[in-house]
Amino acid sequence: DEQPELAGQFGVMSIPTLVVMKNGKVVTQTSGARPKNAILQM
């Protein structure tokens, strides 16, 4: 709500969206609530 430009930059269409980045590049991205083990797997 406060950062719509950043959400748009990542193509966020639904929340929560989790993004993993390395060296400034998206490695993986997923939408929806996830349990801790699924987030750690990312």
Full PDB file with SEQRES, HELIX, SHEET, SSBOND, CRYST1, ORIGX, SCALE, CONECT and MASTER records, all heavy atoms in Angstrom:
SEQRES   1 A   42  ASP GLU GLN PRO GLU LEU ALA GLY GLN PHE GLY VAL MET          
SEQRES   2 A   42  SER ILE PRO THR LEU VAL VAL MET LYS ASN GLY LYS VAL          
SEQRES   3 A   42  VAL THR GLN THR SER GLY ALA ARG PRO LYS ASN ALA ILE          
SEQRES   4 A   42  LEU GLN MET                                                  
HELIX    1 AA1 PRO A    4  GLN A    9  1                                   6    
HELIX    2 AA2 LYS A   36  GLN A   41  1                                   6    
SHEET    1 AA1 2 THR A  17  LYS A  22  0                                        
SHEET    2 AA1 2 LYS A  25  SER A  31 -1                                        
CRYST1    1.000    1.000    1.000  90.00  90.00  90.00 P 1           1          
ORIGX1      1.000000  0.000000  0.000000        0.00000                         
ORIGX2      0.000000  1.000000  0.000000        0.00000                         
ORIGX3      0.000000  0.000000  1.000000        0.00000                         
SCALE1      1.000000  0.000000  0.000000        0.00000                         
SCALE2      0.000000  1.000000  0.000000        0.00000                         
SCALE3      0.000000  0.000000  1.000000        0.00000                         
ATOM      1  N   ASP A   1       0.832  -1.210   0.000  1.00  0.00           N  
ATOM      2  CA  ASP A   1       0.000   0.000   0.000  1.00  0.00           C  
ATOM      3  C   ASP A   1       0.861   1.253   0.000  1.00  0.00           C  
ATOM      4  O   ASP A   1       0.509   2.261  -0.613  1.00  0.00           O  
ATOM      5  CB  ASP A   1      -0.919   0.036   1.230  1.00  0.00           C  
ATOM      6  CG  ASP A   1      -2.036  -0.991   1.143  1.00  0.00           C  
ATOM      7  OD1 ASP A   1      -2.320  -1.477   0.025  1.00  0.00           O  
ATOM      8  OD2 ASP A   1      -2.621  -1.318   2.192  1.00  0.00           O  
ATOM      9  N   GLU A   2       1.997   1.196   0.678  1.00  0.00           N  
ATOM     10  CA  GLU A   2       2.895   2.355   0.777  1.00  0.00           C  
ATOM     11  C   GLU A   2       3.928   2.391  -0.345  1.00  0.00           C  
ATOM     12  O   GLU A   2       4.486   3.446  -0.632  1.00  0.00           O  
ATOM     13  CB  GLU A   2       3.622   2.327   2.125  1.00  0.00           C  
ATOM     14  CG  GLU A   2       2.687   2.480   3.316  1.00  0.00           C  
ATOM     15  CD  GLU A   2       3.388   2.301   4.651  1.00  0.00           C  
ATOM     16  OE1 GLU A   2       4.611   2.014   4.673  1.00  0.00           O  
ATOM     17  OE2 GLU A   2       2.724   2.443   5.682  1.00  0.00           O  
ATOM     18  N   GLN A   3       4.194   1.249  -0.968  1.00  0.00           N  
ATOM     19  CA  GLN A   3       5.235   1.151  -2.002  1.00  0.00           C  
ATOM     20  C   GLN A   3       4.698   0.478  -3.270  1.00  0.00           C  
ATOM     21  O   GLN A   3       5.212  -0.551  -3.716  1.00  0.00           O  
ATOM     22  CB  GLN A   3       6.440   0.353  -1.452  1.00  0.00           C  
ATOM     23  CG  GLN A   3       7.060   0.928  -0.208  1.00  0.00           C  
ATOM     24  CD  GLN A   3       7.620   2.325  -0.420  1.00  0.00           C  
ATOM     25  OE1 GLN A   3       8.199   2.641  -1.458  1.00  0.00           O  
ATOM     26  NE2 GLN A   3       7.432   3.184   0.575  1.00  0.00           N  
ATOM     27  N   PRO A   4       3.664   1.066  -3.899  1.00  0.00           N  
ATOM     28  CA  PRO A   4       3.098   0.412  -5.088  1.00  0.00           C  
ATOM     29  C   PRO A   4       4.082   0.308  -6.257  1.00  0.00           C  
ATOM     30  O   PRO A   4       3.989  -0.615  -7.065  1.00  0.00           O  
ATOM     31  CB  PRO A   4       1.899   1.292  -5.440  1.00  0.00           C  
ATOM     32  CG  PRO A   4       2.182   2.622  -4.810  1.00  0.00           C  
ATOM     33  CD  PRO A   4       2.993   2.315  -3.576  1.00  0.00           C  
ATOM     34  N   GLU A   5       5.053   1.230  -6.318  1.00  0.00           N  
ATOM     35  CA  GLU A   5       6.032   1.170  -7.423  1.00  0.00           C  
ATOM     36  C   GLU A   5       6.888  -0.086  -7.304  1.00  0.00           C  
ATOM     37  O   GLU A   5       7.160  -0.755  -8.302  1.00  0.00           O  
ATOM     38  CB  GLU A   5       6.971   2.394  -7.422  1.00  0.00           C  
ATOM     39  CG  GLU A   5       6.297   3.717  -7.295  1.00  0.00           C  
ATOM     40  CD  GLU A   5       6.044   4.141  -5.844  1.00  0.00           C  
ATOM     41  OE1 GLU A   5       6.549   3.510  -4.890  1.00  0.00           O  
ATOM     42  OE2 GLU A   5       5.292   5.107  -5.657  1.00  0.00           O  
ATOM     43  N   LEU A   6       7.333  -0.400  -6.079  1.00  0.00           N  
ATOM     44  CA  LEU A   6       8.153  -1.598  -5.882  1.00  0.00           C  
ATOM     45  C   LEU A   6       7.334  -2.856  -6.151  1.00  0.00           C  
ATOM     46  O   LEU A   6       7.832  -3.800  -6.770  1.00  0.00           O  
ATOM     47  CB  LEU A   6       8.737  -1.632  -4.470  1.00  0.00           C  
ATOM     48  CG  LEU A   6       9.839  -0.618  -4.166  1.00  0.00           C  
ATOM     49  CD1 LEU A   6      10.271  -0.702  -2.713  1.00  0.00           C  
ATOM     50  CD2 LEU A   6      11.033  -0.817  -5.088  1.00  0.00           C  
ATOM     51  N   ALA A   7       6.085  -2.872  -5.700  1.00  0.00           N  
ATOM     52  CA  ALA A   7       5.219  -4.025  -5.969  1.00  0.00           C  
ATOM     53  C   ALA A   7       5.062  -4.218  -7.477  1.00  0.00           C  
ATOM     54  O   ALA A   7       5.145  -5.344  -7.988  1.00  0.00           O  
ATOM     55  CB  ALA A   7       3.866  -3.843  -5.296  1.00  0.00           C  
ATOM     56  N   GLY A   8       4.877  -3.121  -8.200  1.00  0.00           N  
ATOM     57  CA  GLY A   8       4.743  -3.189  -9.649  1.00  0.00           C  
ATOM     58  C   GLY A   8       6.014  -3.666 -10.329  1.00  0.00           C  
ATOM     59  O   GLY A   8       5.972  -4.431 -11.289  1.00  0.00           O  
ATOM     60  N   GLN A   9       7.145  -3.237  -9.807  1.00  0.00           N  
ATOM     61  CA  GLN A   9       8.446  -3.626 -10.359  1.00  0.00           C  
ATOM     62  C   GLN A   9       8.627  -5.143 -10.310  1.00  0.00           C  
ATOM     63  O   GLN A   9       9.271  -5.726 -11.181  1.00  0.00           O  
ATOM     64  CB  GLN A   9       9.537  -2.928  -9.544  1.00  0.00           C  
ATOM     65  CG  GLN A   9      10.926  -3.033 -10.080  1.00  0.00           C  
ATOM     66  CD  GLN A   9      11.900  -2.203  -9.229  1.00  0.00           C  
ATOM     67  OE1 GLN A   9      11.580  -1.127  -8.763  1.00  0.00           O  
ATOM     68  NE2 GLN A   9      13.076  -2.747  -9.029  1.00  0.00           N  
ATOM     69  N   PHE A  10       8.052  -5.782  -9.303  1.00  0.00           N  
ATOM     70  CA  PHE A  10       8.174  -7.229  -9.146  1.00  0.00           C  
ATOM     71  C   PHE A  10       6.953  -7.975  -9.671  1.00  0.00           C  
ATOM     72  O   PHE A  10       6.858  -9.185  -9.518  1.00  0.00           O  
ATOM     73  CB  PHE A  10       8.409  -7.581  -7.669  1.00  0.00           C  
ATOM     74  CG  PHE A  10       9.804  -7.308  -7.221  1.00  0.00           C  
ATOM     75  CD1 PHE A  10      10.171  -6.047  -6.787  1.00  0.00           C  
ATOM     76  CD2 PHE A  10      10.774  -8.294  -7.264  1.00  0.00           C  
ATOM     77  CE1 PHE A  10      11.472  -5.773  -6.384  1.00  0.00           C  
ATOM     78  CE2 PHE A  10      12.075  -8.037  -6.866  1.00  0.00           C  
ATOM     79  CZ  PHE A  10      12.424  -6.782  -6.430  1.00  0.00           C  
ATOM     80  N   GLY A  11       6.006  -7.255 -10.263  1.00  0.00           N  
ATOM     81  CA  GLY A  11       4.821  -7.900 -10.818  1.00  0.00           C  
ATOM     82  C   GLY A  11       3.937  -8.544  -9.758  1.00  0.00           C  
ATOM     83  O   GLY A  11       3.283  -9.549 -10.028  1.00  0.00           O  
ATOM     84  N   VAL A  12       3.910  -7.962  -8.571  1.00  0.00           N  
ATOM     85  CA  VAL A  12       3.115  -8.520  -7.483  1.00  0.00           C  
ATOM     86  C   VAL A  12       1.635  -8.289  -7.772  1.00  0.00           C  
ATOM     87  O   VAL A  12       1.184  -7.156  -7.875  1.00  0.00           O  
ATOM     88  CB  VAL A  12       3.519  -7.897  -6.122  1.00  0.00           C  
ATOM     89  CG1 VAL A  12       2.578  -8.348  -5.021  1.00  0.00           C  
ATOM     90  CG2 VAL A  12       4.959  -8.248  -5.784  1.00  0.00           C  
ATOM     91  N   MET A  13       0.892  -9.389  -7.919  1.00  0.00           N  
ATOM     92  CA  MET A  13      -0.538  -9.314  -8.215  1.00  0.00           C  
ATOM     93  C   MET A  13      -1.376  -9.726  -7.013  1.00  0.00           C  
ATOM     94  O   MET A  13      -2.535  -9.371  -6.920  1.00  0.00           O  
ATOM     95  CB  MET A  13      -0.880 -10.209  -9.410  1.00  0.00           C  
ATOM     96  CG  MET A  13      -0.114  -9.847 -10.663  1.00  0.00           C  
ATOM     97  SD  MET A  13      -0.418  -8.178 -11.205  1.00  0.00           S  
ATOM     98  CE  MET A  13      -1.798  -8.420 -12.260  1.00  0.00           C  
ATOM     99  N   SER A  14      -0.816 -10.534  -6.125  1.00  0.00           N  
ATOM    100  CA  SER A  14      -1.524 -10.941  -4.912  1.00  0.00           C  
ATOM    101  C   SER A  14      -0.509 -11.007  -3.772  1.00  0.00           C  
ATOM    102  O   SER A  14       0.694 -11.145  -4.006  1.00  0.00           O  
ATOM    103  CB  SER A  14      -2.206 -12.295  -5.113  1.00  0.00           C  
ATOM    104  OG  SER A  14      -1.252 -13.298  -5.363  1.00  0.00           O  
ATOM    105  N   ILE A  15      -1.020 -10.877  -2.563  1.00  0.00           N  
ATOM    106  CA  ILE A  15      -0.138 -10.892  -1.406  1.00  0.00           C  
ATOM    107  C   ILE A  15      -0.633 -11.924  -0.407  1.00  0.00           C  
ATOM    108  O   ILE A  15      -1.817 -12.251  -0.407  1.00  0.00           O  
ATOM    109  CB  ILE A  15      -0.030  -9.494  -0.757  1.00  0.00           C  
ATOM    110  CG1 ILE A  15      -1.412  -8.935  -0.446  1.00  0.00           C  
ATOM    111  CG2 ILE A  15       0.799  -8.563  -1.610  1.00  0.00           C  
ATOM    112  CD1 ILE A  15      -1.416  -7.622   0.304  1.00  0.00           C  
ATOM    113  N   PRO A  16       0.255 -12.455   0.407  1.00  0.00           N  
ATOM    114  CA  PRO A  16       1.681 -12.154   0.433  1.00  0.00           C  
ATOM    115  C   PRO A  16       2.408 -12.751  -0.770  1.00  0.00           C  
ATOM    116  O   PRO A  16       2.021 -13.796  -1.273  1.00  0.00           O  
ATOM    117  CB  PRO A  16       2.159 -12.828   1.728  1.00  0.00           C  
ATOM    118  CG  PRO A  16       1.206 -13.959   1.933  1.00  0.00           C  
ATOM    119  CD  PRO A  16      -0.118 -13.469   1.399  1.00  0.00           C  
ATOM    120  N   THR A  17       3.418 -12.053  -1.217  1.00  0.00           N  
ATOM    121  CA  THR A  17       4.339 -12.568  -2.224  1.00  0.00           C  
ATOM    122  C   THR A  17       5.722 -12.575  -1.598  1.00  0.00           C  
ATOM    123  O   THR A  17       6.145 -11.577  -1.010  1.00  0.00           O  
ATOM    124  CB  THR A  17       4.327 -11.704  -3.502  1.00  0.00           C  
ATOM    125  OG1 THR A  17       3.075 -11.892  -4.167  1.00  0.00           O  
ATOM    126  CG2 THR A  17       5.443 -12.094  -4.444  1.00  0.00           C  
ATOM    127  N   LEU A  18       6.403 -13.697  -1.717  1.00  0.00           N  
ATOM    128  CA  LEU A  18       7.766 -13.834  -1.205  1.00  0.00           C  
ATOM    129  C   LEU A  18       8.717 -13.937  -2.382  1.00  0.00           C  
ATOM    130  O   LEU A  18       8.472 -14.695  -3.330  1.00  0.00           O  
ATOM    131  CB  LEU A  18       7.882 -15.086  -0.323  1.00  0.00           C  
ATOM    132  CG  LEU A  18       7.009 -15.070   0.928  1.00  0.00           C  
ATOM    133  CD1 LEU A  18       6.983 -16.445   1.571  1.00  0.00           C  
ATOM    134  CD2 LEU A  18       7.519 -14.039   1.916  1.00  0.00           C  
ATOM    135  N   VAL A  19       9.800 -13.164  -2.319  1.00  0.00           N  
ATOM    136  CA  VAL A  19      10.790 -13.125  -3.391  1.00  0.00           C  
ATOM    137  C   VAL A  19      12.159 -13.381  -2.780  1.00  0.00           C  
ATOM    138  O   VAL A  19      12.516 -12.768  -1.772  1.00  0.00           O  
ATOM    139  CB  VAL A  19      10.790 -11.752  -4.100  1.00  0.00           C  
ATOM    140  CG1 VAL A  19      11.883 -11.675  -5.154  1.00  0.00           C  
ATOM    141  CG2 VAL A  19       9.424 -11.459  -4.710  1.00  0.00           C  
ATOM    142  N   VAL A  20      12.927 -14.274  -3.396  1.00  0.00           N  
ATOM    143  CA  VAL A  20      14.313 -14.500  -2.999  1.00  0.00           C  
ATOM    144  C   VAL A  20      15.186 -13.935  -4.099  1.00  0.00           C  
ATOM    145  O   VAL A  20      14.991 -14.227  -5.278  1.00  0.00           O  
ATOM    146  CB  VAL A  20      14.605 -16.002  -2.785  1.00  0.00           C  
ATOM    147  CG1 VAL A  20      16.079 -16.220  -2.491  1.00  0.00           C  
ATOM    148  CG2 VAL A  20      13.751 -16.558  -1.653  1.00  0.00           C  
ATOM    149  N   MET A  21      16.154 -13.095  -3.683  1.00  0.00           N  
ATOM    150  CA  MET A  21      17.061 -12.455  -4.635  1.00  0.00           C  
ATOM    151  C   MET A  21      18.507 -12.740  -4.256  1.00  0.00           C  
ATOM    152  O   MET A  21      18.822 -12.903  -3.074  1.00  0.00           O  
ATOM    153  CB  MET A  21      16.838 -10.947  -4.649  1.00  0.00           C  
ATOM    154  CG  MET A  21      15.463 -10.544  -5.094  1.00  0.00           C  
ATOM    155  SD  MET A  21      15.256  -8.758  -5.103  1.00  0.00           S  
ATOM    156  CE  MET A  21      16.327  -8.308  -6.468  1.00  0.00           C  
ATOM    157  N   LYS A  22      19.349 -12.796  -5.262  1.00  0.00           N  
ATOM    158  CA  LYS A  22      20.792 -12.905  -5.041  1.00  0.00           C  
ATOM    159  C   LYS A  22      21.486 -12.064  -6.100  1.00  0.00           C  
ATOM    160  O   LYS A  22      21.124 -12.125  -7.282  1.00  0.00           O  
ATOM    161  CB  LYS A  22      21.250 -14.366  -5.135  1.00  0.00           C  
ATOM    162  CG  LYS A  22      22.705 -14.540  -4.757  1.00  0.00           C  
ATOM    163  CD  LYS A  22      23.089 -15.979  -4.601  1.00  0.00           C  
ATOM    164  CE  LYS A  22      24.526 -16.041  -4.121  1.00  0.00           C  
ATOM    165  NZ  LYS A  22      24.975 -17.395  -3.944  1.00  0.00           N  
ATOM    166  N   ASN A  23      22.431 -11.260  -5.659  1.00  0.00           N  
ATOM    167  CA  ASN A  23      23.170 -10.376  -6.569  1.00  0.00           C  
ATOM    168  C   ASN A  23      22.232  -9.490  -7.387  1.00  0.00           C  
ATOM    169  O   ASN A  23      22.458  -9.254  -8.569  1.00  0.00           O  
ATOM    170  CB  ASN A  23      24.087 -11.182  -7.493  1.00  0.00           C  
ATOM    171  CG  ASN A  23      25.103 -11.991  -6.717  1.00  0.00           C  
ATOM    172  OD1 ASN A  23      25.602 -11.557  -5.684  1.00  0.00           O  
ATOM    173  ND2 ASN A  23      25.400 -13.186  -7.191  1.00  0.00           N  
ATOM    174  N   GLY A  24      21.154  -9.007  -6.741  1.00  0.00           N  
ATOM    175  CA  GLY A  24      20.235  -8.085  -7.396  1.00  0.00           C  
ATOM    176  C   GLY A  24      19.284  -8.720  -8.391  1.00  0.00           C  
ATOM    177  O   GLY A  24      18.573  -8.032  -9.100  1.00  0.00           O  
ATOM    178  N   LYS A  25      19.263 -10.068  -8.461  1.00  0.00           N  
ATOM    179  CA  LYS A  25      18.392 -10.759  -9.410  1.00  0.00           C  
ATOM    180  C   LYS A  25      17.437 -11.689  -8.673  1.00  0.00           C  
ATOM    181  O   LYS A  25      17.802 -12.310  -7.678  1.00  0.00           O  
ATOM    182  CB  LYS A  25      19.224 -11.573 -10.399  1.00  0.00           C  
ATOM    183  CG  LYS A  25      20.074 -10.699 -11.304  1.00  0.00           C  
ATOM    184  CD  LYS A  25      20.793 -11.548 -12.326  1.00  0.00           C  
ATOM    185  CE  LYS A  25      21.594 -10.757 -13.324  1.00  0.00           C  
ATOM    186  NZ  LYS A  25      22.145  -9.507 -12.926  1.00  0.00           N  
ATOM    187  N   VAL A  26      16.212 -11.800  -9.191  1.00  0.00           N  
ATOM    188  CA  VAL A  26      15.213 -12.684  -8.594  1.00  0.00           C  
ATOM    189  C   VAL A  26      15.613 -14.136  -8.866  1.00  0.00           C  
ATOM    190  O   VAL A  26      15.831 -14.525 -10.011  1.00  0.00           O  
ATOM    191  CB  VAL A  26      13.809 -12.401  -9.167  1.00  0.00           C  
ATOM    192  CG1 VAL A  26      12.800 -13.423  -8.659  1.00  0.00           C  
ATOM    193  CG2 VAL A  26      13.360 -10.993  -8.802  1.00  0.00           C  
ATOM    194  N   VAL A  27      15.709 -14.919  -7.796  1.00  0.00           N  
ATOM    195  CA  VAL A  27      16.016 -16.346  -7.909  1.00  0.00           C  
ATOM    196  C   VAL A  27      14.716 -17.147  -7.931  1.00  0.00           C  
ATOM    197  O   VAL A  27      14.552 -18.058  -8.727  1.00  0.00           O  
ATOM    198  CB  VAL A  27      16.913 -16.813  -6.737  1.00  0.00           C  
ATOM    199  CG1 VAL A  27      17.155 -18.306  -6.791  1.00  0.00           C  
ATOM    200  CG2 VAL A  27      18.218 -16.044  -6.706  1.00  0.00           C  
ATOM    201  N   THR A  28      13.800 -16.796  -7.046  1.00  0.00           N  
ATOM    202  CA  THR A  28      12.498 -17.461  -6.986  1.00  0.00           C  
ATOM    203  C   THR A  28      11.464 -16.509  -6.402  1.00  0.00           C  
ATOM    204  O   THR A  28      11.811 -15.597  -5.657  1.00  0.00           O  
ATOM    205  CB  THR A  28      12.581 -18.780  -6.174  1.00  0.00           C  
ATOM    206  OG1 THR A  28      11.338 -19.453  -6.253  1.00  0.00           O  
ATOM    207  CG2 THR A  28      12.935 -18.533  -4.731  1.00  0.00           C  
ATOM    208  N   GLN A  29      10.198 -16.732  -6.779  1.00  0.00           N  
ATOM    209  CA  GLN A  29       9.113 -15.871  -6.321  1.00  0.00           C  
ATOM    210  C   GLN A  29       7.857 -16.727  -6.193  1.00  0.00           C  
ATOM    211  O   GLN A  29       7.579 -17.564  -7.059  1.00  0.00           O  
ATOM    212  CB  GLN A  29       8.901 -14.747  -7.343  1.00  0.00           C  
ATOM    213  CG  GLN A  29       7.824 -13.761  -6.963  1.00  0.00           C  
ATOM    214  CD  GLN A  29       7.853 -12.518  -7.845  1.00  0.00           C  
ATOM    215  OE1 GLN A  29       8.891 -12.141  -8.388  1.00  0.00           O  
ATOM    216  NE2 GLN A  29       6.719 -11.868  -7.990  1.00  0.00           N  
ATOM    217  N   THR A  30       7.113 -16.534  -5.103  1.00  0.00           N  
ATOM    218  CA  THR A  30       5.886 -17.294  -4.881  1.00  0.00           C  
ATOM    219  C   THR A  30       4.848 -16.422  -4.194  1.00  0.00           C  
ATOM    220  O   THR A  30       5.202 -15.508  -3.463  1.00  0.00           O  
ATOM    221  CB  THR A  30       6.168 -18.572  -4.056  1.00  0.00           C  
ATOM    222  OG1 THR A  30       4.981 -19.342  -3.988  1.00  0.00           O  
ATOM    223  CG2 THR A  30       6.644 -18.256  -2.664  1.00  0.00           C  
ATOM    224  N   SER A  31       3.575 -16.707  -4.458  1.00  0.00           N  
ATOM    225  CA  SER A  31       2.479 -15.967  -3.821  1.00  0.00           C  
ATOM    226  C   SER A  31       1.710 -16.884  -2.887  1.00  0.00           C  
ATOM    227  O   SER A  31       1.629 -18.085  -3.112  1.00  0.00           O  
ATOM    228  CB  SER A  31       1.523 -15.420  -4.876  1.00  0.00           C  
ATOM    229  OG  SER A  31       2.167 -14.443  -5.654  1.00  0.00           O  
ATOM    230  N   GLY A  32       1.137 -16.283  -1.857  1.00  0.00           N  
ATOM    231  CA  GLY A  32       0.337 -17.039  -0.901  1.00  0.00           C  
ATOM    232  C   GLY A  32       1.119 -17.345   0.363  1.00  0.00           C  
ATOM    233  O   GLY A  32       2.345 -17.357   0.357  1.00  0.00           O  
ATOM    234  N   ALA A  33       0.374 -17.569   1.445  1.00  0.00           N  
ATOM    235  CA  ALA A  33       0.999 -17.901   2.727  1.00  0.00           C  
ATOM    236  C   ALA A  33       1.707 -19.248   2.610  1.00  0.00           C  
ATOM    237  O   ALA A  33       1.187 -20.172   1.983  1.00  0.00           O  
ATOM    238  CB  ALA A  33      -0.050 -17.937   3.826  1.00  0.00           C  
ATOM    239  N   ARG A  34       2.876 -19.328   3.194  1.00  0.00           N  
ATOM    240  CA  ARG A  34       3.674 -20.553   3.170  1.00  0.00           C  
ATOM    241  C   ARG A  34       4.130 -20.873   4.590  1.00  0.00           C  
ATOM    242  O   ARG A  34       4.448 -19.967   5.359  1.00  0.00           O  
ATOM    243  CB  ARG A  34       4.928 -20.368   2.298  1.00  0.00           C  
ATOM    244  CG  ARG A  34       4.660 -20.101   0.844  1.00  0.00           C  
ATOM    245  CD  ARG A  34       4.342 -21.397   0.122  1.00  0.00           C  
ATOM    246  NE  ARG A  34       4.179 -21.224  -1.298  1.00  0.00           N  
ATOM    247  CZ  ARG A  34       3.032 -20.940  -1.904  1.00  0.00           C  
ATOM    248  NH1 ARG A  34       1.962 -20.726  -1.209  1.00  0.00           N  
ATOM    249  NH2 ARG A  34       2.957 -20.852  -3.203  1.00  0.00           N  
ATOM    250  N   PRO A  35       4.240 -22.168   4.926  1.00  0.00           N  
ATOM    251  CA  PRO A  35       4.808 -22.526   6.224  1.00  0.00           C  
ATOM    252  C   PRO A  35       6.314 -22.265   6.223  1.00  0.00           C  
ATOM    253  O   PRO A  35       6.939 -22.123   5.167  1.00  0.00           O  
ATOM    254  CB  PRO A  35       4.503 -24.026   6.347  1.00  0.00           C  
ATOM    255  CG  PRO A  35       4.322 -24.508   4.946  1.00  0.00           C  
ATOM    256  CD  PRO A  35       3.812 -23.331   4.153  1.00  0.00           C  
ATOM    257  N   LYS A  36       6.877 -22.230   7.410  1.00  0.00           N  
ATOM    258  CA  LYS A  36       8.299 -21.905   7.553  1.00  0.00           C  
ATOM    259  C   LYS A  36       9.190 -22.831   6.724  1.00  0.00           C  
ATOM    260  O   LYS A  36      10.104 -22.360   6.045  1.00  0.00           O  
ATOM    261  CB  LYS A  36       8.702 -21.966   9.033  1.00  0.00           C  
ATOM    262  CG  LYS A  36      10.137 -21.559   9.264  1.00  0.00           C  
ATOM    263  CD  LYS A  36      10.489 -21.555  10.730  1.00  0.00           C  
ATOM    264  CE  LYS A  36      11.942 -21.173  10.932  1.00  0.00           C  
ATOM    265  NZ  LYS A  36      12.309 -21.208  12.347  1.00  0.00           N  
ATOM    266  N   ASN A  37       8.911 -24.136   6.751  1.00  0.00           N  
ATOM    267  CA  ASN A  37       9.789 -25.050   6.008  1.00  0.00           C  
ATOM    268  C   ASN A  37       9.773 -24.774   4.509  1.00  0.00           C  
ATOM    269  O   ASN A  37      10.781 -24.923   3.830  1.00  0.00           O  
ATOM    270  CB  ASN A  37       9.473 -26.517   6.325  1.00  0.00           C  
ATOM    271  CG  ASN A  37       8.092 -26.947   5.877  1.00  0.00           C  
ATOM    272  OD1 ASN A  37       7.231 -26.120   5.578  1.00  0.00           O  
ATOM    273  ND2 ASN A  37       7.868 -28.246   5.832  1.00  0.00           N  
ATOM    274  N   ALA A  38       8.631 -24.347   3.970  1.00  0.00           N  
ATOM    275  CA  ALA A  38       8.556 -24.020   2.531  1.00  0.00           C  
ATOM    276  C   ALA A  38       9.347 -22.756   2.219  1.00  0.00           C  
ATOM    277  O   ALA A  38      10.008 -22.664   1.174  1.00  0.00           O  
ATOM    278  CB  ALA A  38       7.101 -23.856   2.113  1.00  0.00           C  
ATOM    279  N   ILE A  39       9.311 -21.780   3.141  1.00  0.00           N  
ATOM    280  CA  ILE A  39      10.075 -20.547   2.937  1.00  0.00           C  
ATOM    281  C   ILE A  39      11.573 -20.853   3.035  1.00  0.00           C  
ATOM    282  O   ILE A  39      12.373 -20.387   2.224  1.00  0.00           O  
ATOM    283  CB  ILE A  39       9.651 -19.471   3.943  1.00  0.00           C  
ATOM    284  CG1 ILE A  39       8.170 -19.100   3.715  1.00  0.00           C  
ATOM    285  CG2 ILE A  39      10.535 -18.220   3.807  1.00  0.00           C  
ATOM    286  CD1 ILE A  39       7.568 -18.201   4.780  1.00  0.00           C  
ATOM    287  N   LEU A  40      11.955 -21.682   3.994  1.00  0.00           N  
ATOM    288  CA  LEU A  40      13.362 -22.056   4.129  1.00  0.00           C  
ATOM    289  C   LEU A  40      13.836 -22.828   2.898  1.00  0.00           C  
ATOM    290  O   LEU A  40      14.977 -22.671   2.468  1.00  0.00           O  
ATOM    291  CB  LEU A  40      13.587 -22.884   5.402  1.00  0.00           C  
ATOM    292  CG  LEU A  40      13.458 -22.109   6.714  1.00  0.00           C  
ATOM    293  CD1 LEU A  40      13.523 -23.064   7.897  1.00  0.00           C  
ATOM    294  CD2 LEU A  40      14.510 -21.022   6.820  1.00  0.00           C  
ATOM    295  N   GLN A  41      12.961 -23.634   2.306  1.00  0.00           N  
ATOM    296  CA  GLN A  41      13.320 -24.356   1.088  1.00  0.00           C  
ATOM    297  C   GLN A  41      13.624 -23.396  -0.056  1.00  0.00           C  
ATOM    298  O   GLN A  41      14.510 -23.649  -0.864  1.00  0.00           O  
ATOM    299  CB  GLN A  41      12.181 -25.289   0.676  1.00  0.00           C  
ATOM    300  CG  GLN A  41      12.498 -26.728   0.923  1.00  0.00           C  
ATOM    301  CD  GLN A  41      11.392 -27.647   0.447  1.00  0.00           C  
ATOM    302  OE1 GLN A  41      10.233 -27.244   0.276  1.00  0.00           O  
ATOM    303  NE2 GLN A  41      11.738 -28.889   0.251  1.00  0.00           N  
ATOM    304  N   MET A  42      12.903 -22.275  -0.101  1.00  0.00           N  
ATOM    305  CA  MET A  42      13.181 -21.265  -1.133  1.00  0.00           C  
ATOM    306  C   MET A  42      14.604 -20.721  -0.991  1.00  0.00           C  
ATOM    307  O   MET A  42      15.211 -20.317  -1.976  1.00  0.00           O  
ATOM    308  CB  MET A  42      12.192 -20.091  -1.016  1.00  0.00           C  
ATOM    309  CG  MET A  42      10.765 -20.414  -1.389  1.00  0.00           C  
ATOM    310  SD  MET A  42       9.656 -19.018  -1.024  1.00  0.00           S  
ATOM    311  CE  MET A  42      10.233 -17.769  -2.198  1.00  0.00           C  
TER     312      MET A  42                                                      
MASTER        0    0    0    2    2    0    0    6  311    1    0    4          
END                                                                             
